Amino acid sequence: MPGQALTAQMSVVPRIVLHFSVEVEAVRPWEYVFVTGSLPVLGGWIPSSAFILFPDPDSARQRWESEVEIGLDPVKFRYFIGYYLHNGKKEEENASFFFCHVNAEQKIKQKMLLLYWGIVKLRNKVMVPFIWVSEASVEDSVFSALLGKDPLLALEPGKNLVSEASLMGKSQNEILLRFHGNPFKFCKKRYAERSYCIKVTPFDLRHREAGSVDDDDNEENQDVMQPILPSYSVAHIAILSSDDPHYREQSPSGDRFKVDSDYFVFRTRSVAVEFLGFRIELFTYDEQNGPSTDRFAIAYALPSSFHGTFGVAGEPLLVNNRPVGQINVEYLFIRPLLTSCWIQKMDISYAKHWKKRQPLEVGHRGMGNSYTKMNAGRENTIHSLNTAAKRGADYVEFDVQLSKDKIAVIFHDFHVLVTVAKRRTPRLESQPPEAANDYHEIAVKDLRLKQLQLLRLEHYKAQTQTKQNYTKVSAEADEQDERLPFPALVDALRQVDSSVGFNIEIKYPMMQKNGLHECENYFERNDYIDIILNDVLESAGDRRIVFSSFDPDCCALLAAKQHLYPVLFLCVGVTTRYEPF
């Protein structure tokens, strides 16, 4: 019947072959190009299930291609570059991720490491995927429906839309080794007068490494054959004191370090930190001839022996197996964020998302400073934040730190004054009533949230400034809940108008140039950041959020643990008003 034939013809869903073809500037031999997207065949935005592309052997450039067959549903996707690591432990389960060169009988648990992701481009242009249609009856309107209102790869010429990836999975760790000031201590003066290049190479302690002090080591517990997949990534260097402070590959003989001038940061990622080691090599540098190709001294750093996740380790420098000095290595461990409220996907990221728009109005601590300036409402309260939103603020800025019971609270200063009643004596009875109390300075981190809300507290400068016209930290008995100090971060996320964005400044004490620390014996950074991030990821919803901090390590942790929200590094300009860090 004609009607049945028409129905059968309409029920045939045309299929489209989507051909991906992208050019990438520099893909190393162990790296691969992937695409992930909104369709199941592209992994559903989960990077470990992404679709792998293959290099075109006939292309003069580094072109990666592949194709998939899809229906007429709209498709969105991102390219990314990554490679695989494994921890070297044999598991009973099959590998979680695919890798074409792994023997299936090994059953090695692999971990994908993302390097860069976003829209991969070369020379300010992107190759839009070619599309073939397997049904000739499909009209041009299908293409507009497939591509959506705007092209998939809408790109402004010259704009970099590629960003570095955050830590993926539960086993990846990022390790930073830093050298600044004068990290060298030599036994002989002539060694100290030389200039040196520094090179850092990671290696696995379970396997023999090339370039060690003793290359003839034949210990039975070390594998002669190197594994197919490493447990660590290549160590890249960022020279923060240079005009180009971005991470890059190291020079063959290292990079020249200028004492009391340069700031070197070496970065690697590992899925087996307990077996990770670093070989630190020094090469002499001559002003006329440049760096020497012969190594002068060597040192070894073992992260498993470091105390804590942040600190400085002094490692002996060896020349011909004899110690000639010491090199101080500052280290920082970045652990992955362990959370059940967020699945690491690649569909949304504002980590590098800047649009041309009008300036934003941001409410500082909500409606302004009230403890040292004469703002009528108490700063950093639910009422202050909501009032700023009602009066047209696009964002509100506030400060977050942890209480003793590890609850993220909103408060600016690291210390408060606790009112303490003096012991009654005949001498005290003859004095004015205000003399019956004294103040004791205590850190916010040493008080539980209930104590912060119940104790009678004053601003830490209350003893040195005029109290009149300044808002007290502690609330009066008849004040509304939204005006109370020390609101929890989750309460602000749930109770403040969702249309206003949050600039969440992460407070973390730092060492000042005058030698005084803002607040010693503070929380470990990874735990500290994880608690705040978990609150945000669980309760933020669709709210616009920006993280900021004066502590550069907190910024590094925030950027490495998540890719949803931008991270801003705050700094103090040339001023005598504040003590510099």
Foldseek 3Di string as FASTA:
>chain_A
DVVVVVVVVVPDFWKKKWKDKWFAQDDDPQKFKWKAKCDVCQPNQAVLNGHTWDFDPPDPTGMTMDIDMDTLAAMAMKMFMKGKAFQPDADPAAESHDDDPDDRVSRTHMDIDTFKMFHHHDQQDTDHIDMDIPDPPDDPVSVCNRCDPDGNPDGDGPDDGMDTAFDDDQQKKKKKKKDAAAQWFFPDPVVVPFWKFKDKFKDFQQAQDPPDLDNPDDDPSHDDDDDPHHFKDGKWKAWPLDPGRDTDHADLRHGIDDHNRIMMMIMMMGRHLQRMKMKMWIFTADPVPGTDNDTAWIWMDRPNPDDAQWDKDWTFIDGSNHGGTTGIITMGMFGAQDDDLDDDGDPAFPQPPDDDDDDFAEPELQPDDFQVDQDPAHGNFLVSNQVSVVVPGQAYEWEWFAALVGFIWTDDAQKWWFKDADDDDPVQVVDDPVVRIDTDIDTRNDHHLVCQQPTQIAHPCPVPDDPPSGDGQHDDPPDDRRRHHTDTPLCSLARHPLSHAYAYEYDDWDQFPVRDIRDPPDDRLNSGLSNVVNSCSNRNPPHAYAYEYCDVVNQVNVVNHDRHHYYYHDADDDDPPDGHD
